[in-house]
């Protein structure tokens, strides 16, 4: 049964999609069966794994019940990585999803295929609207990419409040799996101070994602960094994160 992880942060520009794409690819390289679900209308996770945004039915059709999960899953360059892309109409989902039961659409749609994967990663939009609500309702846990800057903790507190409301009303047991420090520069005093503050309140992954040119270049080639430049610091960092997550699973201790 797949572990479903929502990659979420309502603040944009923190490396959320970069994390969803590259963690998915790194888990696939580790021989895990992975499904990446693009719930961001921008569709960057779709193009980041080689998909062509808008050329096929994807997460909008899935949420609206116009297609099943089996019908919208696509293959990537990596044998163990598949994805559900963001189709062009996803921008309308906030309006088109019904308020009654609308937050449970993704969970119900993914249920028939959970046995086929080890991980399902959901790339959320940079907002706390209906799409993110669907992701949080479907998820077993939340991974929060966090850039260590002035407003980071304020945004994190808002996300925590949303997670607590979803846990109470829709998804008992939902919690933050961990916070991932992204675009981290250890020479920056503010970055070190924010990191220390976050570590005082949340589980923070030992793996840290640095600023890395190859990591930034990879999306323009439609590839995760592990395919674009496996020897880069960015690739190494996400492979390290994948190994850390796998080591934390209960099965790993068996």
C-alpha atoms as a PDB file:
ATOM      1  CA  UNK A   1       0.000   0.000   0.000  1.00  0.00           C
ATOM      2  CA  UNK A   2       1.456   3.332  -1.083  1.00  0.00           C
ATOM      3  CA  UNK A   3       2.383   6.000   1.415  1.00  0.00           C
ATOM      4  CA  UNK A   4       0.766   9.207   0.155  1.00  0.00           C
ATOM      5  CA  UNK A   5       2.791  12.357   0.815  1.00  0.00           C
ATOM      6  CA  UNK A   6       1.612  15.886   0.061  1.00  0.00           C
ATOM      7  CA  UNK A   7       4.483  18.245  -0.773  1.00  0.00           C
ATOM      8  CA  UNK A   8       3.001  21.513   0.413  1.00  0.00           C
ATOM      9  CA  UNK A   9       3.801  25.097   1.269  1.00  0.00           C
ATOM     10  CA  UNK A  10       1.462  27.956   0.430  1.00  0.00           C
ATOM     11  CA  UNK A  11       4.450  30.252  -0.095  1.00  0.00           C
ATOM     12  CA  UNK A  12       5.751  30.153  -3.651  1.00  0.00           C
ATOM     13  CA  UNK A  13       9.375  29.932  -4.694  1.00  0.00           C
ATOM     14  CA  UNK A  14      10.503  27.610  -1.910  1.00  0.00           C
ATOM     15  CA  UNK A  15      11.449  24.609  -4.047  1.00  0.00           C
ATOM     16  CA  UNK A  16       8.172  22.751  -3.642  1.00  0.00           C
ATOM     17  CA  UNK A  17       7.847  21.444  -7.198  1.00  0.00           C
ATOM     18  CA  UNK A  18      11.599  20.886  -7.430  1.00  0.00           C
ATOM     19  CA  UNK A  19      11.293  18.718  -4.336  1.00  0.00           C
ATOM     20  CA  UNK A  20       8.244  16.794  -5.563  1.00  0.00           C
ATOM     21  CA  UNK A  21       9.896  15.987  -8.905  1.00  0.00           C
ATOM     22  CA  UNK A  22      13.360  15.146  -7.629  1.00  0.00           C
ATOM     23  CA  UNK A  23      12.280  13.213  -4.555  1.00  0.00           C
ATOM     24  CA  UNK A  24       9.932  11.164  -6.742  1.00  0.00           C
ATOM     25  CA  UNK A  25      12.773  10.429  -9.154  1.00  0.00           C
ATOM     26  CA  UNK A  26      15.219   9.627  -6.346  1.00  0.00           C
ATOM     27  CA  UNK A  27      12.788   7.173  -4.758  1.00  0.00           C
ATOM     28  CA  UNK A  28      12.303   5.553  -8.172  1.00  0.00           C
ATOM     29  CA  UNK A  29      16.077   5.195  -8.557  1.00  0.00           C
ATOM     30  CA  UNK A  30      15.985   3.424  -5.185  1.00  0.00           C
ATOM     31  CA  UNK A  31      13.643   0.860  -6.812  1.00  0.00           C
ATOM     32  CA  UNK A  32      10.476   2.211  -5.218  1.00  0.00           C
ATOM     33  CA  UNK A  33       7.301   2.293  -7.321  1.00  0.00           C
ATOM     34  CA  UNK A  34       6.389   5.972  -7.384  1.00  0.00           C
ATOM     35  CA  UNK A  35       3.446   7.989  -8.687  1.00  0.00           C
ATOM     36  CA  UNK A  36       3.781  11.783  -8.904  1.00  0.00           C
ATOM     37  CA  UNK A  37       0.483  13.702  -8.963  1.00  0.00           C
ATOM     38  CA  UNK A  38       0.619  17.277 -10.268  1.00  0.00           C
ATOM     39  CA  UNK A  39      -2.095  19.359  -8.576  1.00  0.00           C
ATOM     40  CA  UNK A  40      -0.525  22.724  -9.412  1.00  0.00           C
ATOM     41  CA  UNK A  41      -2.246  24.505 -12.344  1.00  0.00           C
ATOM     42  CA  UNK A  42       1.171  25.801 -13.420  1.00  0.00           C
ATOM     43  CA  UNK A  43       2.010  22.224 -14.407  1.00  0.00           C
ATOM     44  CA  UNK A  44       5.719  22.466 -13.661  1.00  0.00           C
ATOM     45  CA  UNK A  45       5.917  18.998 -12.102  1.00  0.00           C
ATOM     46  CA  UNK A  46       4.404  17.607 -15.300  1.00  0.00           C
ATOM     47  CA  UNK A  47       7.018  19.174 -17.565  1.00  0.00           C
ATOM     48  CA  UNK A  48       9.721  18.433 -14.995  1.00  0.00           C
ATOM     49  CA  UNK A  49       9.341  14.687 -15.609  1.00  0.00           C
ATOM     50  CA  UNK A  50       9.075  15.040 -19.376  1.00  0.00           C
ATOM     51  CA  UNK A  51       5.306  15.408 -19.744  1.00  0.00           C
ATOM     52  CA  UNK A  52       3.641  17.885 -22.071  1.00  0.00           C
ATOM     53  CA  UNK A  53       1.193  20.003 -20.099  1.00  0.00           C
ATOM     54  CA  UNK A  54      -2.323  20.040 -21.518  1.00  0.00           C
ATOM     55  CA  UNK A  55      -1.860  17.348 -24.163  1.00  0.00           C
ATOM     56  CA  UNK A  56      -3.706  14.677 -22.191  1.00  0.00           C
ATOM     57  CA  UNK A  57      -6.271  14.220 -19.471  1.00  0.00           C
ATOM     58  CA  UNK A  58      -4.781  14.532 -16.023  1.00  0.00           C
ATOM     59  CA  UNK A  59      -5.565  15.612 -12.492  1.00  0.00           C
ATOM     60  CA  UNK A  60      -8.524  17.845 -13.420  1.00  0.00           C
ATOM     61  CA  UNK A  61     -10.301  14.993 -15.177  1.00  0.00           C
ATOM     62  CA  UNK A  62      -9.497  12.773 -12.199  1.00  0.00           C
ATOM     63  CA  UNK A  63     -10.910  15.228  -9.661  1.00  0.00           C
ATOM     64  CA  UNK A  64     -14.064  15.879 -11.674  1.00  0.00           C
ATOM     65  CA  UNK A  65     -14.723  12.164 -12.171  1.00  0.00           C
ATOM     66  CA  UNK A  66     -14.246  12.376 -15.935  1.00  0.00           C
ATOM     67  CA  UNK A  67     -11.501   9.729 -15.915  1.00  0.00           C
ATOM     68  CA  UNK A  68     -10.162   7.057 -13.579  1.00  0.00           C
ATOM     69  CA  UNK A  69      -6.663   7.053 -12.123  1.00  0.00           C
ATOM     70  CA  UNK A  70      -5.696   4.142 -14.378  1.00  0.00           C
ATOM     71  CA  UNK A  71      -6.693   6.198 -17.424  1.00  0.00           C
ATOM     72  CA  UNK A  72      -4.634   9.280 -16.570  1.00  0.00           C
ATOM     73  CA  UNK A  73      -1.378   7.717 -15.318  1.00  0.00           C
ATOM     74  CA  UNK A  74       1.555   8.305 -17.719  1.00  0.00           C
ATOM     75  CA  UNK A  75       5.038   6.812 -17.935  1.00  0.00           C
ATOM     76  CA  UNK A  76       8.290   8.738 -17.490  1.00  0.00           C
ATOM     77  CA  UNK A  77      11.891   8.066 -18.497  1.00  0.00           C
ATOM     78  CA  UNK A  78      12.402   6.210 -15.221  1.00  0.00           C
ATOM     79  CA  UNK A  79      10.883   2.739 -15.182  1.00  0.00           C
ATOM     80  CA  UNK A  80       9.565   3.035 -11.631  1.00  0.00           C
ATOM     81  CA  UNK A  81       8.252   6.607 -11.895  1.00  0.00           C
ATOM     82  CA  UNK A  82       4.818   7.393 -13.302  1.00  0.00           C
ATOM     83  CA  UNK A  83       2.856  10.612 -13.120  1.00  0.00           C
ATOM     84  CA  UNK A  84      -0.573  12.179 -13.383  1.00  0.00           C
ATOM     85  CA  UNK A  85      -0.127  15.487 -15.144  1.00  0.00           C
ATOM     86  CA  UNK A  86      -1.810  18.850 -14.723  1.00  0.00           C
ATOM     87  CA  UNK A  87      -4.192  19.357 -17.622  1.00  0.00           C
ATOM     88  CA  UNK A  88      -5.203  22.802 -18.895  1.00  0.00           C
ATOM     89  CA  UNK A  89      -8.527  22.950 -17.040  1.00  0.00           C
ATOM     90  CA  UNK A  90      -6.965  22.443 -13.601  1.00  0.00           C
ATOM     91  CA  UNK A  91      -7.030  26.199 -13.044  1.00  0.00           C
ATOM     92  CA  UNK A  92     -10.846  25.898 -12.957  1.00  0.00           C
ATOM     93  CA  UNK A  93     -10.902  23.185 -10.314  1.00  0.00           C
ATOM     94  CA  UNK A  94     -11.255  25.599  -7.389  1.00  0.00           C
ATOM     95  CA  UNK A  95     -14.519  26.769  -8.972  1.00  0.00           C
ATOM     96  CA  UNK A  96     -15.745  23.466 -10.400  1.00  0.00           C
ATOM     97  CA  UNK A  97     -15.259  21.150  -7.425  1.00  0.00           C
ATOM     98  CA  UNK A  98     -18.364  20.888  -5.268  1.00  0.00           C
ATOM     99  CA  UNK A  99     -18.103  22.248  -1.742  1.00  0.00           C
ATOM    100  CA  UNK A 100     -19.902  19.205  -0.355  1.00  0.00           C
ATOM    101  CA  UNK A 101     -17.533  16.241  -0.613  1.00  0.00           C
ATOM    102  CA  UNK A 102     -15.215  18.082  -2.983  1.00  0.00           C
ATOM    103  CA  UNK A 103     -12.198  17.785  -0.691  1.00  0.00           C
ATOM    104  CA  UNK A 104     -12.372  13.988  -0.777  1.00  0.00           C
ATOM    105  CA  UNK A 105     -12.276  13.576  -4.560  1.00  0.00           C
ATOM    106  CA  UNK A 106      -8.544  12.887  -4.872  1.00  0.00           C
ATOM    107  CA  UNK A 107      -8.462  10.444  -1.956  1.00  0.00           C
ATOM    108  CA  UNK A 108     -11.318   8.429  -3.425  1.00  0.00           C
ATOM    109  CA  UNK A 109      -9.839   8.513  -6.939  1.00  0.00           C
ATOM    110  CA  UNK A 110      -6.408   7.260  -5.803  1.00  0.00           C
ATOM    111  CA  UNK A 111      -7.726   4.483  -3.578  1.00  0.00           C
ATOM    112  CA  UNK A 112      -8.063   1.861  -6.368  1.00  0.00           C
ATOM    113  CA  UNK A 113      -4.381   2.210  -7.381  1.00  0.00           C
ATOM    114  CA  UNK A 114      -2.650   2.587  -4.003  1.00  0.00           C
ATOM    115  CA  UNK A 115      -1.650  -1.076  -3.974  1.00  0.00           C
ATOM    116  CA  UNK A 116       0.280  -0.541  -7.220  1.00  0.00           C
ATOM    117  CA  UNK A 117       2.796   1.906  -5.705  1.00  0.00           C
ATOM    118  CA  UNK A 118       5.142   2.318  -2.760  1.00  0.00           C
ATOM    119  CA  UNK A 119       4.859   6.119  -2.744  1.00  0.00           C
ATOM    120  CA  UNK A 120       2.406   8.633  -4.144  1.00  0.00           C
ATOM    121  CA  UNK A 121       3.755  12.197  -4.025  1.00  0.00           C
ATOM    122  CA  UNK A 122       1.361  15.097  -4.582  1.00  0.00           C
ATOM    123  CA  UNK A 123       2.712  18.447  -5.760  1.00  0.00           C
ATOM    124  CA  UNK A 124       0.383  21.084  -4.288  1.00  0.00           C
ATOM    125  CA  UNK A 125      -0.194  24.609  -5.596  1.00  0.00           C
ATOM    126  CA  UNK A 126       1.214  27.561  -3.603  1.00  0.00           C
ATOM    127  CA  UNK A 127      -2.106  28.242  -1.877  1.00  0.00           C
ATOM    128  CA  UNK A 128      -4.394  26.742   0.743  1.00  0.00           C
ATOM    129  CA  UNK A 129      -7.449  26.348  -1.526  1.00  0.00           C
ATOM    130  CA  UNK A 130      -9.505  23.359  -2.638  1.00  0.00           C
ATOM    131  CA  UNK A 131      -6.675  21.667  -4.541  1.00  0.00           C
ATOM    132  CA  UNK A 132      -4.371  21.680  -1.525  1.00  0.00           C
ATOM    133  CA  UNK A 133      -7.291  20.588   0.636  1.00  0.00           C
ATOM    134  CA  UNK A 134      -7.734  17.563  -1.647  1.00  0.00           C
ATOM    135  CA  UNK A 135      -4.051  16.721  -1.313  1.00  0.00           C
ATOM    136  CA  UNK A 136      -4.107  16.978   2.480  1.00  0.00           C
ATOM    137  CA  UNK A 137      -7.262  14.869   2.708  1.00  0.00           C
ATOM    138  CA  UNK A 138      -5.661  12.157   0.557  1.00  0.00           C
ATOM    139  CA  UNK A 139      -2.266  12.220   2.284  1.00  0.00           C
ATOM    140  CA  UNK A 140      -0.778  10.080   5.030  1.00  0.00           C
ATOM    141  CA  UNK A 141       1.731  12.826   5.783  1.00  0.00           C
ATOM    142  CA  UNK A 142       3.008  16.217   4.643  1.00  0.00           C
ATOM    143  CA  UNK A 143       6.518  17.160   3.550  1.00  0.00           C
ATOM    144  CA  UNK A 144       7.136  20.900   3.809  1.00  0.00           C
ATOM    145  CA  UNK A 145       9.943  22.441   1.730  1.00  0.00           C
ATOM    146  CA  UNK A 146      11.123  25.579   3.531  1.00  0.00           C
ATOM    147  CA  UNK A 147      13.467  28.299   2.377  1.00  0.00           C
ATOM    148  CA  UNK A 148      15.197  29.813   5.386  1.00  0.00           C
ATOM    149  CA  UNK A 149      14.112  33.435   5.106  1.00  0.00           C
ATOM    150  CA  UNK A 150      12.280  36.065   7.166  1.00  0.00           C
ATOM    151  CA  UNK A 151       8.681  35.088   6.364  1.00  0.00           C
ATOM    152  CA  UNK A 152       9.222  31.331   6.438  1.00  0.00           C
ATOM    153  CA  UNK A 153       7.967  30.684   9.976  1.00  0.00           C
ATOM    154  CA  UNK A 154       4.834  32.793   9.487  1.00  0.00           C
ATOM    155  CA  UNK A 155       3.863  30.772   6.414  1.00  0.00           C
ATOM    156  CA  UNK A 156       4.656  27.533   8.191  1.00  0.00           C
ATOM    157  CA  UNK A 157       2.334  28.416  11.066  1.00  0.00           C
ATOM    158  CA  UNK A 158      -0.517  29.030   8.607  1.00  0.00           C
ATOM    159  CA  UNK A 159       0.077  25.642   6.988  1.00  0.00           C
ATOM    160  CA  UNK A 160       0.125  23.944  10.384  1.00  0.00           C
ATOM    161  CA  UNK A 161      -3.244  25.499  11.176  1.00  0.00           C
ATOM    162  CA  UNK A 162      -4.703  24.156   7.931  1.00  0.00           C
ATOM    163  CA  UNK A 163      -3.269  20.684   8.549  1.00  0.00           C
ATOM    164  CA  UNK A 164      -4.796  20.652  12.028  1.00  0.00           C
ATOM    165  CA  UNK A 165      -8.222  21.589  10.643  1.00  0.00           C
ATOM    166  CA  UNK A 166      -8.015  18.894   7.965  1.00  0.00           C
ATOM    167  CA  UNK A 167      -6.890  16.351  10.556  1.00  0.00           C
ATOM    168  CA  UNK A 168      -9.833  17.216  12.752  1.00  0.00           C
ATOM    169  CA  UNK A 169     -12.517  17.266  10.071  1.00  0.00           C
ATOM    170  CA  UNK A 170     -11.411  15.036   7.195  1.00  0.00           C
ATOM    171  CA  UNK A 171      -8.226  13.051   7.757  1.00  0.00           C
ATOM    172  CA  UNK A 172      -7.533  11.769  11.301  1.00  0.00           C
ATOM    173  CA  UNK A 173      -3.837  11.273  11.954  1.00  0.00           C
ATOM    174  CA  UNK A 174      -2.585  13.697   9.311  1.00  0.00           C
ATOM    175  CA  UNK A 175       0.651  15.361  10.403  1.00  0.00           C
ATOM    176  CA  UNK A 176       3.852  16.860   9.067  1.00  0.00           C
ATOM    177  CA  UNK A 177       6.363  14.119   8.260  1.00  0.00           C
ATOM    178  CA  UNK A 178       9.186  16.607   8.158  1.00  0.00           C
ATOM    179  CA  UNK A 179      10.463  19.990   7.059  1.00  0.00           C
ATOM    180  CA  UNK A 180      13.031  20.108   4.263  1.00  0.00           C
ATOM    181  CA  UNK A 181      15.443  23.047   4.160  1.00  0.00           C
ATOM    182  CA  UNK A 182      15.832  24.198   0.553  1.00  0.00           C
ATOM    183  CA  UNK A 183      18.103  26.652  -1.269  1.00  0.00           C
ATOM    184  CA  UNK A 184      20.150  26.623   1.907  1.00  0.00           C
ATOM    185  CA  UNK A 185      23.296  28.727   2.227  1.00  0.00           C
ATOM    186  CA  UNK A 186      25.146  27.954   5.498  1.00  0.00           C
ATOM    187  CA  UNK A 187      27.096  31.225   5.161  1.00  0.00           C
ATOM    188  CA  UNK A 188      23.874  33.203   5.646  1.00  0.00           C
ATOM    189  CA  UNK A 189      23.273  34.114   9.306  1.00  0.00           C
ATOM    190  CA  UNK A 190      19.500  34.449   8.844  1.00  0.00           C
ATOM    191  CA  UNK A 191      19.321  31.024   7.195  1.00  0.00           C
ATOM    192  CA  UNK A 192      21.091  29.457  10.164  1.00  0.00           C
ATOM    193  CA  UNK A 193      18.820  31.267  12.641  1.00  0.00           C
ATOM    194  CA  UNK A 194      15.612  30.201  10.868  1.00  0.00           C
ATOM    195  CA  UNK A 195      16.873  26.619  10.600  1.00  0.00           C
ATOM    196  CA  UNK A 196      17.578  26.536  14.326  1.00  0.00           C
ATOM    197  CA  UNK A 197      14.119  27.911  15.117  1.00  0.00           C
ATOM    198  CA  UNK A 198      12.383  25.350  12.892  1.00  0.00           C
ATOM    199  CA  UNK A 199      14.379  22.502  14.437  1.00  0.00           C
ATOM    200  CA  UNK A 200      13.051  23.580  17.814  1.00  0.00           C
ATOM    201  CA  UNK A 201       9.458  22.885  16.761  1.00  0.00           C
ATOM    202  CA  UNK A 202       9.435  20.324  13.930  1.00  0.00           C
ATOM    203  CA  UNK A 203      11.212  17.259  12.634  1.00  0.00           C
ATOM    204  CA  UNK A 204      13.709  18.641  10.122  1.00  0.00           C
ATOM    205  CA  UNK A 205      15.346  16.252   7.681  1.00  0.00           C
ATOM    206  CA  UNK A 206      19.106  15.862   8.004  1.00  0.00           C
ATOM    207  CA  UNK A 207      19.338  16.149   4.222  1.00  0.00           C
ATOM    208  CA  UNK A 208      19.528  19.785   3.127  1.00  0.00           C
ATOM    209  CA  UNK A 209      19.012  21.023  -0.416  1.00  0.00           C
ATOM    210  CA  UNK A 210      21.636  23.602  -1.468  1.00  0.00           C
ATOM    211  CA  UNK A 211      21.424  26.232  -4.154  1.00  0.00           C
ATOM    212  CA  UNK A 212      22.650  24.356  -7.217  1.00  0.00           C
ATOM    213  CA  UNK A 213      22.884  25.420 -10.865  1.00  0.00           C
ATOM    214  CA  UNK A 214      22.337  21.916 -12.269  1.00  0.00           C
ATOM    215  CA  UNK A 215      19.225  21.531 -10.128  1.00  0.00           C
ATOM    216  CA  UNK A 216      17.882  24.774 -11.580  1.00  0.00           C
ATOM    217  CA  UNK A 217      18.748  23.773 -15.154  1.00  0.00           C
ATOM    218  CA  UNK A 218      17.176  20.312 -15.113  1.00  0.00           C
ATOM    219  CA  UNK A 219      13.498  21.381 -15.564  1.00  0.00           C
ATOM    220  CA  UNK A 220      14.290  23.152 -18.836  1.00  0.00           C
ATOM    221  CA  UNK A 221      15.394  19.764 -20.173  1.00  0.00           C
ATOM    222  CA  UNK A 222      12.271  17.987 -18.918  1.00  0.00           C
ATOM    223  CA  UNK A 223      14.288  15.789 -16.583  1.00  0.00           C
ATOM    224  CA  UNK A 224      14.787  15.282 -12.856  1.00  0.00           C
ATOM    225  CA  UNK A 225      18.313  16.213 -11.826  1.00  0.00           C
ATOM    226  CA  UNK A 226      19.213  12.546 -11.250  1.00  0.00           C
ATOM    227  CA  UNK A 227      18.881  12.061 -15.021  1.00  0.00           C
ATOM    228  CA  UNK A 228      20.214  15.464 -16.054  1.00  0.00           C
ATOM    229  CA  UNK A 229      23.353  15.385 -13.901  1.00  0.00           C
ATOM    230  CA  UNK A 230      23.526  12.524 -11.424  1.00  0.00           C
ATOM    231  CA  UNK A 231      26.896  13.705 -10.077  1.00  0.00           C
ATOM    232  CA  UNK A 232      25.680  17.185  -9.097  1.00  0.00           C
ATOM    233  CA  UNK A 233      25.223  18.372  -5.516  1.00  0.00           C
ATOM    234  CA  UNK A 234      21.505  18.761  -6.129  1.00  0.00           C
ATOM    235  CA  UNK A 235      21.162  15.163  -7.272  1.00  0.00           C
ATOM    236  CA  UNK A 236      23.177  13.892  -4.318  1.00  0.00           C
ATOM    237  CA  UNK A 237      21.031  15.883  -1.881  1.00  0.00           C
ATOM    238  CA  UNK A 238      17.723  14.461  -3.138  1.00  0.00           C
ATOM    239  CA  UNK A 239      19.108  10.922  -3.259  1.00  0.00           C
ATOM    240  CA  UNK A 240      20.181  11.436   0.353  1.00  0.00           C
ATOM    241  CA  UNK A 241      16.674  12.636   1.250  1.00  0.00           C
ATOM    242  CA  UNK A 242      15.115   9.581  -0.399  1.00  0.00           C
ATOM    243  CA  UNK A 243      17.393   7.284   1.577  1.00  0.00           C
ATOM    244  CA  UNK A 244      16.584   9.138   4.805  1.00  0.00           C
ATOM    245  CA  UNK A 245      12.848   8.760   4.175  1.00  0.00           C
ATOM    246  CA  UNK A 246      13.218   5.070   3.383  1.00  0.00           C
ATOM    247  CA  UNK A 247      15.312   4.493   6.490  1.00  0.00           C
ATOM    248  CA  UNK A 248      12.591   6.144   8.605  1.00  0.00           C
ATOM    249  CA  UNK A 249       9.887   3.766   7.419  1.00  0.00           C
ATOM    250  CA  UNK A 250       8.840   1.147  10.000  1.00  0.00           C
ATOM    251  CA  UNK A 251       9.561  -1.617   7.482  1.00  0.00           C
ATOM    252  CA  UNK A 252      13.179  -0.471   7.263  1.00  0.00           C
ATOM    253  CA  UNK A 253      13.765  -1.574  10.818  1.00  0.00           C
ATOM    254  CA  UNK A 254      12.433  -5.039  10.156  1.00  0.00           C
END
